[in-house]
Amino acid sequence: MDKATALAIVDNNCLIADGLDHGIIGVTAGANVQAVYSCAILVQQWMIDGMDSDEALEHLHYNVLGGRPTGDNAPVFLDDL
């Protein structure tokens, strides 16, 4: 994550997903700024860490997307798989 993105996240009190900073690719534009994560980057990192593709996808869907917070400052997950 670059400095501008990190600053925008802090300045706008964006919620972030614990332990997934490596997947942040930017922020949304407009009045309601949200952190944006790449699902592909997250899955790729979990596979590097030892999960197979099915495990990584299951982890994404059930543990990340299934339990994500909602609201104005909640993170957004780009489906770029």
Protein backbone atom coordinates (compact mmCIF):
# COMPACT_ATOMS: atom_id res chain seq x y z
CA MET A 1 0.00 0.00 0.00
CA ASP A 2 1.38 3.40 -0.91
CA LYS A 3 1.54 6.40 1.42
CA ALA A 4 -1.35 8.24 -0.25
CA THR A 5 -3.64 5.24 0.21
CA ALA A 6 -2.57 4.78 3.83
CA LEU A 7 -3.17 8.47 4.53
CA ALA A 8 -6.62 8.38 2.89
CA ILE A 9 -7.56 5.35 5.01
CA VAL A 10 -6.50 7.07 8.23
CA ASP A 11 -7.95 10.48 7.36
CA ASN A 12 -11.34 8.97 6.50
CA ASN A 13 -11.52 6.52 9.42
CA CYS A 14 -11.87 3.60 7.04
CA LEU A 15 -12.37 0.19 8.57
CA ILE A 16 -9.71 -2.31 7.54
CA ALA A 17 -9.59 -6.09 7.70
CA ASP A 18 -7.11 -7.33 10.32
CA GLY A 19 -4.04 -8.97 8.83
CA LEU A 20 -4.96 -8.26 5.21
CA ASP A 21 -3.05 -5.03 4.56
CA HIS A 22 -1.13 -6.74 1.74
CA GLY A 23 -4.38 -6.92 -0.25
CA ILE A 24 -5.23 -3.21 -0.15
CA ILE A 25 -5.07 -1.77 -3.66
CA GLY A 26 -6.56 1.66 -3.04
CA VAL A 27 -9.60 3.55 -1.81
CA THR A 28 -12.94 4.41 -3.32
CA ALA A 29 -13.55 7.87 -4.77
CA GLY A 30 -16.20 10.28 -3.57
CA ALA A 31 -17.58 11.41 -0.26
CA ASN A 32 -17.71 7.92 1.27
CA VAL A 33 -14.11 6.69 1.16
CA GLN A 34 -13.57 2.95 1.76
CA ALA A 35 -10.48 0.73 1.63
CA VAL A 36 -10.45 -1.52 -1.46
CA TYR A 37 -8.96 -5.03 -1.34
CA SER A 38 -8.01 -7.29 -4.23
CA CYS A 39 -9.43 -10.78 -3.75
CA ALA A 40 -6.85 -12.12 -6.21
CA ILE A 41 -3.94 -10.73 -4.19
CA LEU A 42 -5.37 -12.17 -0.97
CA VAL A 43 -5.86 -15.64 -2.48
CA GLN A 44 -2.43 -15.57 -4.09
CA GLN A 45 -0.76 -14.75 -0.76
CA TRP A 46 -2.58 -17.54 1.06
CA MET A 47 -1.44 -19.97 -1.62
CA ILE A 48 2.15 -18.78 -1.19
CA ASP A 49 1.67 -19.34 2.55
CA GLY A 50 0.72 -22.99 1.91
CA MET A 51 -2.99 -23.23 1.14
CA ASP A 52 -4.09 -24.89 -2.08
CA SER A 53 -6.43 -22.92 -4.35
CA ASP A 54 -9.60 -24.52 -2.99
CA GLU A 55 -8.59 -23.81 0.61
CA ALA A 56 -7.67 -20.22 -0.22
CA LEU A 57 -10.98 -19.59 -1.99
CA GLU A 58 -12.94 -21.18 0.85
CA HIS A 59 -11.03 -19.02 3.36
CA LEU A 60 -11.87 -15.92 1.33
CA HIS A 61 -15.57 -16.69 1.00
CA TYR A 62 -16.29 -17.94 4.51
CA ASN A 63 -13.80 -16.15 6.75
CA VAL A 64 -13.32 -12.85 4.97
CA LEU A 65 -16.34 -12.08 2.82
CA GLY A 66 -18.79 -13.91 5.06
CA GLY A 67 -17.75 -12.01 8.16
CA ARG A 68 -16.95 -8.59 6.79
CA PRO A 69 -18.35 -5.51 8.48
CA THR A 70 -20.97 -3.36 6.79
CA GLY A 71 -21.51 0.36 6.85
CA ASP A 72 -20.22 3.56 5.35
CA ASN A 73 -16.56 2.96 6.22
CA ALA A 74 -16.51 -0.81 5.72
CA PRO A 75 -13.94 -2.25 3.31
CA VAL A 76 -14.79 -3.18 -0.27
CA PHE A 77 -13.51 -6.40 -1.88
CA LEU A 78 -12.86 -6.34 -5.62
CA ASP A 79 -13.84 -9.64 -7.25
CA ASP A 80 -10.83 -9.83 -9.57
CA LEU A 81 -10.29 -13.59 -9.41
